[in-house]
Amino acid sequence: MGSVVHVILLSCLLIPLVSCEKFSDHKLRVYRNRVLEMFQHAYDGYMKHAYPYDELRPLSCDGVDTWGSFSLTLIDALDTLAIMGNYTEFRKVAAMIAENINFNININVSVFETNIRVVGGLLSAHLLYRKAGMDLEPGWPCSGPLLRLAEDVATRLLPGTVSTVW
């Protein structure tokens, strides 16, 4: 207990010594462009060498199914495409996912990974439809192809969340 108190007190003394400066507009643009370039490099690499597999193996430049065999990286990257303003690619990929992804397969999956990456990715992409200029179904945001896929996956994951009382 005493060592924890000492660490907290020492941290409080050192915090004022840490300074942060605001990035200039120029630096912000440079960093923003660099992030866009890095994302695009990773995305293009996945699409060229690994799609439709779940992930890209960077050393062998090929794809591997790791979490369920449903183009996990593509689903994972979809909302990022919209956030970064690449609405053309977002619309193309959203349509690909809605038309081609099928979760009606009998496999073991990581409930955690599938929940955060697939369900979360589909839900966030669904909510970005309007921003990306997608045609919205009547009743949106309570309906849509990505929302239906997210609901399908979440329903299939439910048995994995049931715990047994001993």
N, C-alpha and C. Protein backbone atom coordinates (compact mmCIF):
# COMPACT_ATOMS: atom_id res chain seq x y z
N MET A 1 0.83 -1.19 0.00
CA MET A 1 0.00 0.00 0.00
C MET A 1 0.87 1.24 0.00
N GLY A 2 1.94 1.23 0.79
CA GLY A 2 2.82 2.40 0.87
C GLY A 2 3.49 2.71 -0.45
N SER A 3 3.89 1.67 -1.20
CA SER A 3 4.56 1.92 -2.48
C SER A 3 3.60 2.53 -3.50
N VAL A 4 2.33 2.15 -3.44
CA VAL A 4 1.34 2.72 -4.34
C VAL A 4 1.18 4.21 -4.06
N VAL A 5 1.14 4.57 -2.78
CA VAL A 5 1.01 5.98 -2.40
C VAL A 5 2.22 6.77 -2.88
N HIS A 6 3.41 6.18 -2.74
CA HIS A 6 4.62 6.86 -3.20
C HIS A 6 4.60 7.10 -4.71
N VAL A 7 4.14 6.11 -5.46
CA VAL A 7 4.06 6.25 -6.92
C VAL A 7 3.07 7.35 -7.29
N ILE A 8 1.95 7.39 -6.61
CA ILE A 8 0.95 8.42 -6.89
C ILE A 8 1.50 9.80 -6.57
N LEU A 9 2.15 9.94 -5.41
CA LEU A 9 2.71 11.24 -5.03
C LEU A 9 3.80 11.67 -6.01
N LEU A 10 4.65 10.75 -6.39
CA LEU A 10 5.71 11.07 -7.35
C LEU A 10 5.12 11.48 -8.69
N SER A 11 4.08 10.78 -9.12
CA SER A 11 3.41 11.14 -10.37
C SER A 11 2.84 12.54 -10.31
N CYS A 12 2.24 12.88 -9.18
CA CYS A 12 1.66 14.22 -9.03
C CYS A 12 2.73 15.31 -9.08
N LEU A 13 3.91 15.00 -8.59
CA LEU A 13 4.99 15.98 -8.63
C LEU A 13 5.55 16.14 -10.05
N LEU A 14 5.57 15.06 -10.82
CA LEU A 14 6.17 15.10 -12.15
C LEU A 14 5.22 15.59 -13.23
N ILE A 15 3.94 15.49 -13.02
CA ILE A 15 2.98 15.90 -14.05
C ILE A 15 3.19 17.34 -14.50
N PRO A 16 3.42 18.29 -13.60
CA PRO A 16 3.62 19.66 -14.07
C PRO A 16 4.87 19.82 -14.95
N LEU A 17 5.82 18.88 -14.89
CA LEU A 17 7.03 18.98 -15.69
C LEU A 17 6.79 18.55 -17.14
N VAL A 18 5.70 17.84 -17.38
CA VAL A 18 5.37 17.39 -18.72
C VAL A 18 4.64 18.51 -19.43
N SER A 19 5.13 18.85 -20.60
CA SER A 19 4.45 19.91 -21.34
C SER A 19 4.03 19.40 -22.70
N CYS A 20 2.96 19.93 -23.16
CA CYS A 20 2.45 19.59 -24.48
C CYS A 20 2.25 20.88 -25.24
N GLU A 21 2.59 20.83 -26.49
CA GLU A 21 2.35 22.01 -27.30
C GLU A 21 1.34 21.66 -28.38
N LYS A 22 0.62 22.66 -28.79
CA LYS A 22 -0.38 22.47 -29.83
C LYS A 22 0.33 22.29 -31.17
N PHE A 23 -0.17 21.33 -31.96
CA PHE A 23 0.39 21.15 -33.30
C PHE A 23 0.01 22.33 -34.17
N SER A 24 0.92 22.74 -35.00
CA SER A 24 0.61 23.79 -35.97
C SER A 24 -0.32 23.20 -37.03
N ASP A 25 -1.01 24.06 -37.76
CA ASP A 25 -1.88 23.58 -38.83
C ASP A 25 -1.09 22.78 -39.86
N HIS A 26 0.12 23.23 -40.14
CA HIS A 26 0.97 22.52 -41.10
C HIS A 26 1.29 21.11 -40.61
N LYS A 27 1.70 20.98 -39.32
CA LYS A 27 2.02 19.66 -38.78
C LYS A 27 0.79 18.76 -38.77
N LEU A 28 -0.36 19.33 -38.44
CA LEU A 28 -1.59 18.54 -38.46
C LEU A 28 -1.87 17.97 -39.85
N ARG A 29 -1.70 18.81 -40.88
CA ARG A 29 -1.91 18.34 -42.25
C ARG A 29 -0.90 17.25 -42.62
N VAL A 30 0.35 17.45 -42.23
CA VAL A 30 1.39 16.46 -42.52
C VAL A 30 1.06 15.12 -41.85
N TYR A 31 0.71 15.16 -40.56
CA TYR A 31 0.39 13.93 -39.84
C TYR A 31 -0.89 13.28 -40.37
N ARG A 32 -1.89 14.09 -40.68
CA ARG A 32 -3.14 13.57 -41.23
C ARG A 32 -2.88 12.85 -42.56
N ASN A 33 -2.09 13.47 -43.42
CA ASN A 33 -1.78 12.85 -44.71
C ASN A 33 -0.99 11.57 -44.54
N ARG A 34 -0.09 11.56 -43.57
CA ARG A 34 0.72 10.36 -43.32
C ARG A 34 -0.17 9.20 -42.85
N VAL A 35 -1.12 9.51 -41.97
CA VAL A 35 -2.05 8.48 -41.49
C VAL A 35 -2.89 7.95 -42.66
N LEU A 36 -3.37 8.85 -43.50
CA LEU A 36 -4.14 8.43 -44.67
C LEU A 36 -3.30 7.51 -45.57
N GLU A 37 -2.05 7.87 -45.80
CA GLU A 37 -1.15 7.05 -46.62
C GLU A 37 -0.93 5.68 -46.00
N MET A 38 -0.71 5.64 -44.69
CA MET A 38 -0.47 4.35 -44.02
C MET A 38 -1.71 3.47 -44.09
N PHE A 39 -2.88 4.05 -43.84
CA PHE A 39 -4.10 3.26 -43.93
C PHE A 39 -4.28 2.74 -45.35
N GLN A 40 -4.11 3.61 -46.34
CA GLN A 40 -4.32 3.20 -47.72
C GLN A 40 -3.34 2.10 -48.13
N HIS A 41 -2.10 2.19 -47.65
CA HIS A 41 -1.11 1.15 -47.93
C HIS A 41 -1.56 -0.19 -47.36
N ALA A 42 -2.00 -0.18 -46.10
CA ALA A 42 -2.45 -1.42 -45.46
C ALA A 42 -3.71 -1.97 -46.14
N TYR A 43 -4.64 -1.09 -46.44
CA TYR A 43 -5.90 -1.50 -47.08
C TYR A 43 -5.63 -2.08 -48.47
N ASP A 44 -4.83 -1.38 -49.26
CA ASP A 44 -4.50 -1.86 -50.61
C ASP A 44 -3.77 -3.20 -50.55
N GLY A 45 -2.87 -3.35 -49.58
CA GLY A 45 -2.16 -4.62 -49.42
C GLY A 45 -3.11 -5.76 -49.10
N TYR A 46 -4.06 -5.51 -48.22
CA TYR A 46 -5.05 -6.53 -47.89
C TYR A 46 -5.87 -6.89 -49.13
N MET A 47 -6.37 -5.88 -49.84
CA MET A 47 -7.22 -6.14 -51.00
C MET A 47 -6.46 -6.87 -52.11
N LYS A 48 -5.20 -6.54 -52.29
CA LYS A 48 -4.40 -7.16 -53.36
C LYS A 48 -3.96 -8.58 -53.01
N HIS A 49 -3.55 -8.79 -51.77
CA HIS A 49 -2.91 -10.05 -51.41
C HIS A 49 -3.75 -10.99 -50.55
N ALA A 50 -4.77 -10.48 -49.87
CA ALA A 50 -5.44 -11.32 -48.88
C ALA A 50 -6.95 -11.46 -49.05
N TYR A 51 -7.60 -10.47 -49.65
CA TYR A 51 -9.06 -10.57 -49.79
C TYR A 51 -9.41 -11.81 -50.60
N PRO A 52 -10.35 -12.63 -50.24
CA PRO A 52 -11.40 -12.49 -49.24
C PRO A 52 -11.10 -13.12 -47.89
N TYR A 53 -9.86 -13.45 -47.63
CA TYR A 53 -9.51 -14.04 -46.33
C TYR A 53 -9.68 -13.01 -45.21
N ASP A 54 -9.62 -13.49 -43.98
CA ASP A 54 -9.80 -12.61 -42.83
C ASP A 54 -8.68 -11.59 -42.68
N GLU A 55 -7.45 -12.04 -42.82
CA GLU A 55 -6.31 -11.17 -42.54
C GLU A 55 -5.18 -11.38 -43.54
N LEU A 56 -4.32 -10.38 -43.61
CA LEU A 56 -3.12 -10.44 -44.44
C LEU A 56 -1.95 -10.90 -43.59
N ARG A 57 -1.20 -11.86 -44.11
CA ARG A 57 0.06 -12.24 -43.48
C ARG A 57 1.14 -11.43 -44.18
N PRO A 58 1.72 -10.43 -43.51
CA PRO A 58 2.59 -9.48 -44.18
C PRO A 58 3.90 -10.06 -44.69
N LEU A 59 4.43 -11.07 -44.05
CA LEU A 59 5.72 -11.61 -44.49
C LEU A 59 5.57 -12.48 -45.74
N SER A 60 4.50 -13.25 -45.80
CA SER A 60 4.30 -14.12 -46.96
C SER A 60 3.41 -13.48 -48.01
N CYS A 61 2.84 -12.33 -47.70
CA CYS A 61 1.94 -11.61 -48.63
C CYS A 61 0.81 -12.49 -49.13
N ASP A 62 0.18 -13.20 -48.21
CA ASP A 62 -1.01 -13.95 -48.57
C ASP A 62 -2.02 -13.83 -47.45
N GLY A 63 -3.21 -14.37 -47.70
CA GLY A 63 -4.28 -14.25 -46.73
C GLY A 63 -4.45 -15.49 -45.90
N VAL A 64 -5.07 -15.31 -44.75
CA VAL A 64 -5.36 -16.42 -43.86
C VAL A 64 -6.69 -16.14 -43.16
N ASP A 65 -7.48 -17.19 -42.98
CA ASP A 65 -8.71 -17.07 -42.20
C ASP A 65 -8.38 -17.36 -40.75
N THR A 66 -8.64 -16.39 -39.91
CA THR A 66 -8.27 -16.52 -38.50
C THR A 66 -9.46 -16.54 -37.56
N TRP A 67 -10.50 -15.81 -37.87
CA TRP A 67 -11.59 -15.64 -36.91
C TRP A 67 -12.95 -16.03 -37.45
N GLY A 68 -13.02 -16.68 -38.59
CA GLY A 68 -14.34 -17.08 -39.03
C GLY A 68 -14.53 -17.17 -40.52
N SER A 69 -13.58 -16.75 -41.29
CA SER A 69 -13.66 -16.86 -42.74
C SER A 69 -14.77 -16.00 -43.34
N PHE A 70 -14.83 -14.74 -42.89
CA PHE A 70 -15.79 -13.81 -43.49
C PHE A 70 -15.19 -12.43 -43.73
N SER A 71 -14.00 -12.40 -44.31
CA SER A 71 -13.36 -11.13 -44.73
C SER A 71 -13.31 -10.13 -43.58
N LEU A 72 -12.81 -10.58 -42.46
CA LEU A 72 -12.81 -9.78 -41.24
C LEU A 72 -12.15 -8.42 -41.41
N THR A 73 -11.00 -8.36 -42.06
CA THR A 73 -10.31 -7.08 -42.23
C THR A 73 -11.14 -6.11 -43.05
N LEU A 74 -11.86 -6.62 -44.04
CA LEU A 74 -12.71 -5.76 -44.86
C LEU A 74 -13.82 -5.13 -44.02
N ILE A 75 -14.46 -5.96 -43.18
CA ILE A 75 -15.50 -5.43 -42.29
C ILE A 75 -14.89 -4.44 -41.31
N ASP A 76 -13.74 -4.79 -40.77
CA ASP A 76 -13.03 -3.95 -39.80
C ASP A 76 -12.66 -2.59 -40.38
N ALA A 77 -12.31 -2.55 -41.66
CA ALA A 77 -11.84 -1.32 -42.29
C ALA A 77 -12.96 -0.45 -42.85
N LEU A 78 -14.16 -0.98 -42.92
CA LEU A 78 -15.24 -0.28 -43.61
C LEU A 78 -15.54 1.09 -43.00
N ASP A 79 -15.69 1.17 -41.69
CA ASP A 79 -16.00 2.47 -41.09
C ASP A 79 -14.83 3.44 -41.24
N THR A 80 -13.61 2.93 -41.24
CA THR A 80 -12.44 3.80 -41.42
C THR A 80 -12.45 4.43 -42.80
N LEU A 81 -12.87 3.69 -43.81
CA LEU A 81 -12.98 4.26 -45.15
C LEU A 81 -13.88 5.49 -45.14
N ALA A 82 -15.01 5.39 -44.47
CA ALA A 82 -15.94 6.52 -44.42
C ALA A 82 -15.38 7.66 -43.60
N ILE A 83 -14.80 7.35 -42.46
CA ILE A 83 -14.25 8.39 -41.58
C ILE A 83 -13.15 9.16 -42.30
N MET A 84 -12.37 8.47 -43.12
CA MET A 84 -11.29 9.12 -43.85
C MET A 84 -11.76 9.77 -45.15
N GLY A 85 -13.05 9.71 -45.41
CA GLY A 85 -13.61 10.42 -46.55
C GLY A 85 -13.58 9.68 -47.87
N ASN A 86 -13.23 8.41 -47.87
CA ASN A 86 -13.20 7.63 -49.11
C ASN A 86 -14.58 6.98 -49.31
N TYR A 87 -15.56 7.83 -49.62
CA TYR A 87 -16.94 7.37 -49.72
C TYR A 87 -17.17 6.45 -50.92
N THR A 88 -16.43 6.64 -51.99
CA THR A 88 -16.59 5.77 -53.16
C THR A 88 -16.24 4.33 -52.79
N GLU A 89 -15.10 4.14 -52.13
CA GLU A 89 -14.69 2.80 -51.72
C GLU A 89 -15.62 2.27 -50.63
N PHE A 90 -16.05 3.14 -49.73
CA PHE A 90 -16.99 2.73 -48.68
C PHE A 90 -18.26 2.14 -49.30
N ARG A 91 -18.83 2.86 -50.26
CA ARG A 91 -20.06 2.38 -50.90
C ARG A 91 -19.83 1.04 -51.61
N LYS A 92 -18.70 0.92 -52.29
CA LYS A 92 -18.37 -0.33 -53.00
C LYS A 92 -18.24 -1.49 -52.02
N VAL A 93 -17.49 -1.28 -50.94
CA VAL A 93 -17.25 -2.34 -49.97
C VAL A 93 -18.51 -2.67 -49.19
N ALA A 94 -19.30 -1.67 -48.83
CA ALA A 94 -20.56 -1.92 -48.11
C ALA A 94 -21.47 -2.82 -48.96
N ALA A 95 -21.53 -2.55 -50.25
CA ALA A 95 -22.34 -3.38 -51.14
C ALA A 95 -21.76 -4.80 -51.24
N MET A 96 -20.43 -4.91 -51.32
CA MET A 96 -19.78 -6.24 -51.38
C MET A 96 -20.11 -7.05 -50.14
N ILE A 97 -20.01 -6.41 -48.99
CA ILE A 97 -20.28 -7.11 -47.73
C ILE A 97 -21.74 -7.53 -47.66
N ALA A 98 -22.64 -6.60 -47.97
CA ALA A 98 -24.07 -6.90 -47.90
C ALA A 98 -24.45 -8.05 -48.84
N GLU A 99 -23.81 -8.13 -49.99
CA GLU A 99 -24.16 -9.15 -50.99
C GLU A 99 -23.44 -10.48 -50.78
N ASN A 100 -22.22 -10.44 -50.25
CA ASN A 100 -21.39 -11.65 -50.27
C ASN A 100 -21.13 -12.30 -48.92
N ILE A 101 -21.29 -11.59 -47.84
CA ILE A 101 -20.96 -12.17 -46.54
C ILE A 101 -22.15 -12.97 -46.03
N ASN A 102 -21.86 -14.20 -45.62
CA ASN A 102 -22.90 -15.09 -45.10
C ASN A 102 -22.37 -15.71 -43.82
N PHE A 103 -23.12 -15.54 -42.75
CA PHE A 103 -22.68 -16.07 -41.46
C PHE A 103 -23.32 -17.42 -41.14
N ASN A 104 -23.97 -18.03 -42.10
CA ASN A 104 -24.62 -19.31 -41.89
C ASN A 104 -23.62 -20.44 -42.11
N ILE A 105 -22.59 -20.47 -41.27
CA ILE A 105 -21.56 -21.50 -41.34
C ILE A 105 -21.33 -22.05 -39.94
N ASN A 106 -20.99 -23.31 -39.87
CA ASN A 106 -20.81 -23.97 -38.59
C ASN A 106 -19.32 -24.00 -38.24
N ILE A 107 -18.87 -22.98 -37.53
CA ILE A 107 -17.46 -22.87 -37.14
C ILE A 107 -17.38 -22.34 -35.72
N ASN A 108 -16.24 -22.56 -35.10
CA ASN A 108 -15.97 -21.95 -33.80
C ASN A 108 -15.38 -20.57 -34.03
N VAL A 109 -15.86 -19.59 -33.29
CA VAL A 109 -15.34 -18.23 -33.40
C VAL A 109 -15.03 -17.70 -32.01
N SER A 110 -14.21 -16.69 -31.96
CA SER A 110 -13.98 -15.96 -30.72
C SER A 110 -15.16 -15.01 -30.54
N VAL A 111 -15.93 -15.22 -29.47
CA VAL A 111 -17.08 -14.35 -29.22
C VAL A 111 -16.63 -12.91 -29.07
N PHE A 112 -15.54 -12.69 -28.33
CA PHE A 112 -15.04 -11.33 -28.11
C PHE A 112 -14.64 -10.67 -29.43
N GLU A 113 -13.76 -11.32 -30.19
CA GLU A 113 -13.28 -10.74 -31.45
C GLU A 113 -14.42 -10.52 -32.45
N THR A 114 -15.30 -11.49 -32.55
CA THR A 114 -16.41 -11.36 -33.49
C THR A 114 -17.34 -10.24 -33.06
N ASN A 115 -17.55 -10.11 -31.77
CA ASN A 115 -18.42 -9.04 -31.27
C ASN A 115 -17.84 -7.66 -31.56
N ILE A 116 -16.58 -7.45 -31.21
CA ILE A 116 -16.04 -6.10 -31.38
C ILE A 116 -15.71 -5.78 -32.83
N ARG A 117 -15.22 -6.75 -33.58
CA ARG A 117 -14.77 -6.45 -34.94
C ARG A 117 -15.86 -6.61 -35.98
N VAL A 118 -16.70 -7.61 -35.85
CA VAL A 118 -17.74 -7.83 -36.85
C VAL A 118 -19.01 -7.07 -36.49
N VAL A 119 -19.57 -7.36 -35.32
CA VAL A 119 -20.80 -6.66 -34.93
C VAL A 119 -20.53 -5.16 -34.83
N GLY A 120 -19.46 -4.79 -34.14
CA GLY A 120 -19.13 -3.37 -34.02
C GLY A 120 -18.83 -2.71 -35.35
N GLY A 121 -18.09 -3.40 -36.21
CA GLY A 121 -17.76 -2.85 -37.52
C GLY A 121 -18.99 -2.66 -38.40
N LEU A 122 -19.88 -3.64 -38.37
CA LEU A 122 -21.10 -3.54 -39.17
C LEU A 122 -22.02 -2.43 -38.65
N LEU A 123 -22.14 -2.33 -37.33
CA LEU A 123 -23.01 -1.28 -36.76
C LEU A 123 -22.48 0.12 -37.05
N SER A 124 -21.18 0.31 -36.87
CA SER A 124 -20.64 1.66 -37.12
C SER A 124 -20.73 2.01 -38.60
N ALA A 125 -20.48 1.03 -39.47
CA ALA A 125 -20.60 1.30 -40.91
C ALA A 125 -22.05 1.60 -41.28
N HIS A 126 -22.98 0.88 -40.68
CA HIS A 126 -24.40 1.13 -40.93
C HIS A 126 -24.76 2.57 -40.57
N LEU A 127 -24.24 3.05 -39.46
CA LEU A 127 -24.56 4.41 -39.02
C LEU A 127 -23.86 5.47 -39.88
N LEU A 128 -22.85 5.08 -40.65
CA LEU A 128 -22.16 6.02 -41.54
C LEU A 128 -22.75 6.04 -42.95
N TYR A 129 -23.77 5.24 -43.20
CA TYR A 129 -24.41 5.20 -44.52
C TYR A 129 -24.79 6.58 -45.02
N ARG A 130 -25.49 7.34 -44.20
CA ARG A 130 -25.98 8.65 -44.64
C ARG A 130 -24.81 9.56 -44.99
N LYS A 131 -23.79 9.60 -44.14
CA LYS A 131 -22.63 10.46 -44.39
C LYS A 131 -21.95 10.10 -45.71
N ALA A 132 -21.99 8.82 -46.06
CA ALA A 132 -21.33 8.36 -47.29
C ALA A 132 -22.22 8.50 -48.52
N GLY A 133 -23.42 9.02 -48.34
CA GLY A 133 -24.31 9.23 -49.48
C GLY A 133 -24.96 7.97 -49.99
N MET A 134 -25.09 6.97 -49.15
CA MET A 134 -25.72 5.71 -49.55
C MET A 134 -27.23 5.90 -49.63
N ASP A 135 -27.87 5.11 -50.47
CA ASP A 135 -29.33 5.08 -50.49
C ASP A 135 -29.80 4.43 -49.20
N LEU A 136 -30.68 5.12 -48.50
CA LEU A 136 -31.16 4.62 -47.22
C LEU A 136 -32.49 3.91 -47.40
N GLU A 137 -32.64 2.80 -46.70
CA GLU A 137 -33.92 2.10 -46.72
C GLU A 137 -34.94 2.90 -45.92
N PRO A 138 -36.22 2.74 -46.25
CA PRO A 138 -37.24 3.34 -45.39
C PRO A 138 -37.07 2.79 -43.97
N GLY A 139 -37.17 3.66 -43.02
CA GLY A 139 -37.01 3.23 -41.63
C GLY A 139 -35.58 3.32 -41.11
N TRP A 140 -34.64 3.73 -41.98
CA TRP A 140 -33.26 3.88 -41.51
C TRP A 140 -33.25 4.93 -40.42
N PRO A 141 -32.54 4.79 -39.34
CA PRO A 141 -31.44 3.86 -39.05
C PRO A 141 -31.86 2.54 -38.42
N CYS A 142 -33.17 2.27 -38.39
CA CYS A 142 -33.62 1.02 -37.78
C CYS A 142 -33.73 -0.12 -38.78
N SER A 143 -33.24 0.08 -39.99
CA SER A 143 -33.20 -0.98 -40.98
C SER A 143 -32.04 -0.73 -41.94
N GLY A 144 -31.60 -1.78 -42.57
CA GLY A 144 -30.51 -1.67 -43.54
C GLY A 144 -29.76 -2.98 -43.62
N PRO A 145 -29.08 -3.24 -44.74
CA PRO A 145 -28.42 -4.53 -44.93
C PRO A 145 -27.31 -4.81 -43.92
N LEU A 146 -26.52 -3.81 -43.58
CA LEU A 146 -25.44 -4.06 -42.61
C LEU A 146 -26.00 -4.24 -41.21
N LEU A 147 -27.08 -3.55 -40.89
CA LEU A 147 -27.74 -3.74 -39.60
C LEU A 147 -28.29 -5.16 -39.49
N ARG A 148 -28.88 -5.65 -40.56
CA ARG A 148 -29.40 -7.03 -40.55
C ARG A 148 -28.27 -8.05 -40.37
N LEU A 149 -27.14 -7.80 -41.04
CA LEU A 149 -25.99 -8.70 -40.85
C LEU A 149 -25.49 -8.66 -39.41
N ALA A 150 -25.41 -7.46 -38.83
CA ALA A 150 -24.96 -7.32 -37.44
C ALA A 150 -25.91 -8.06 -36.50
N GLU A 151 -27.20 -7.93 -36.74
CA GLU A 151 -28.18 -8.62 -35.91
C GLU A 151 -28.04 -10.14 -36.06
N ASP A 152 -27.81 -10.60 -37.27
CA ASP A 152 -27.63 -12.02 -37.53
C ASP A 152 -26.43 -12.56 -36.74
N VAL A 153 -25.31 -11.86 -36.83
CA VAL A 153 -24.11 -12.31 -36.11
C VAL A 153 -24.34 -12.27 -34.60
N ALA A 154 -24.91 -11.17 -34.11
CA ALA A 154 -25.13 -11.03 -32.66
C ALA A 154 -26.04 -12.15 -32.15
N THR A 155 -27.07 -12.47 -32.90
CA THR A 155 -27.98 -13.55 -32.50
C THR A 155 -27.24 -14.88 -32.45
N ARG A 156 -26.35 -15.11 -33.40
CA ARG A 156 -25.59 -16.36 -33.41
C ARG A 156 -24.57 -16.42 -32.26
N LEU A 157 -24.12 -15.25 -31.80
CA LEU A 157 -23.15 -15.22 -30.70
C LEU A 157 -23.80 -15.42 -29.33
N LEU A 158 -25.09 -15.16 -29.22
CA LEU A 158 -25.76 -15.22 -27.92
C LEU A 158 -25.51 -16.51 -27.13
N PRO A 159 -25.58 -17.69 -27.74
CA PRO A 159 -25.31 -18.89 -26.96
C PRO A 159 -23.91 -18.91 -26.34
N GLY A 160 -22.97 -18.21 -26.94
CA GLY A 160 -21.62 -18.16 -26.40
C GLY A 160 -21.48 -17.25 -25.19
N THR A 161 -22.54 -16.51 -24.89
CA THR A 161 -22.48 -15.60 -23.73
C THR A 161 -23.21 -16.16 -22.53
N VAL A 162 -23.86 -17.30 -22.68
CA VAL A 162 -24.62 -17.90 -21.58
C VAL A 162 -23.64 -18.62 -20.67
N SER A 163 -23.73 -18.31 -19.39
CA SER A 163 -22.86 -19.00 -18.43
C SER A 163 -23.70 -19.99 -17.62
N THR A 164 -23.06 -21.04 -17.22
CA THR A 164 -23.73 -22.07 -16.43
C THR A 164 -23.50 -21.79 -14.96
N VAL A 165 -24.56 -21.89 -14.18
CA VAL A 165 -24.45 -21.72 -12.73
C VAL A 165 -24.13 -23.08 -12.14
N TRP A 166 -23.09 -23.16 -11.36
CA TRP A 166 -22.65 -24.43 -10.76
C TRP A 166 -23.32 -24.67 -9.47
